[in-house]
């Protein structure tokens, strides 16, 4: 299970790795839950970490 509080804490402390800009649409209820995490790029980092974890758990990464 994903520990959202731990993930957000990590996002706030870590340096940013290289990223590529992509566009995606999120459902309003999902966006409302991840909301404003306190700094620029925090939502992107959150979504990236969730996707990374799911991909790792399923043997894709």
Foldseek 3Di string as FASTA:
>chain_A
DDDLVVQLVVLVPDDDDDDDDDDDDDPPVVCVVVDDSDDPCSVVSSVVVVVVVVCVVVPND
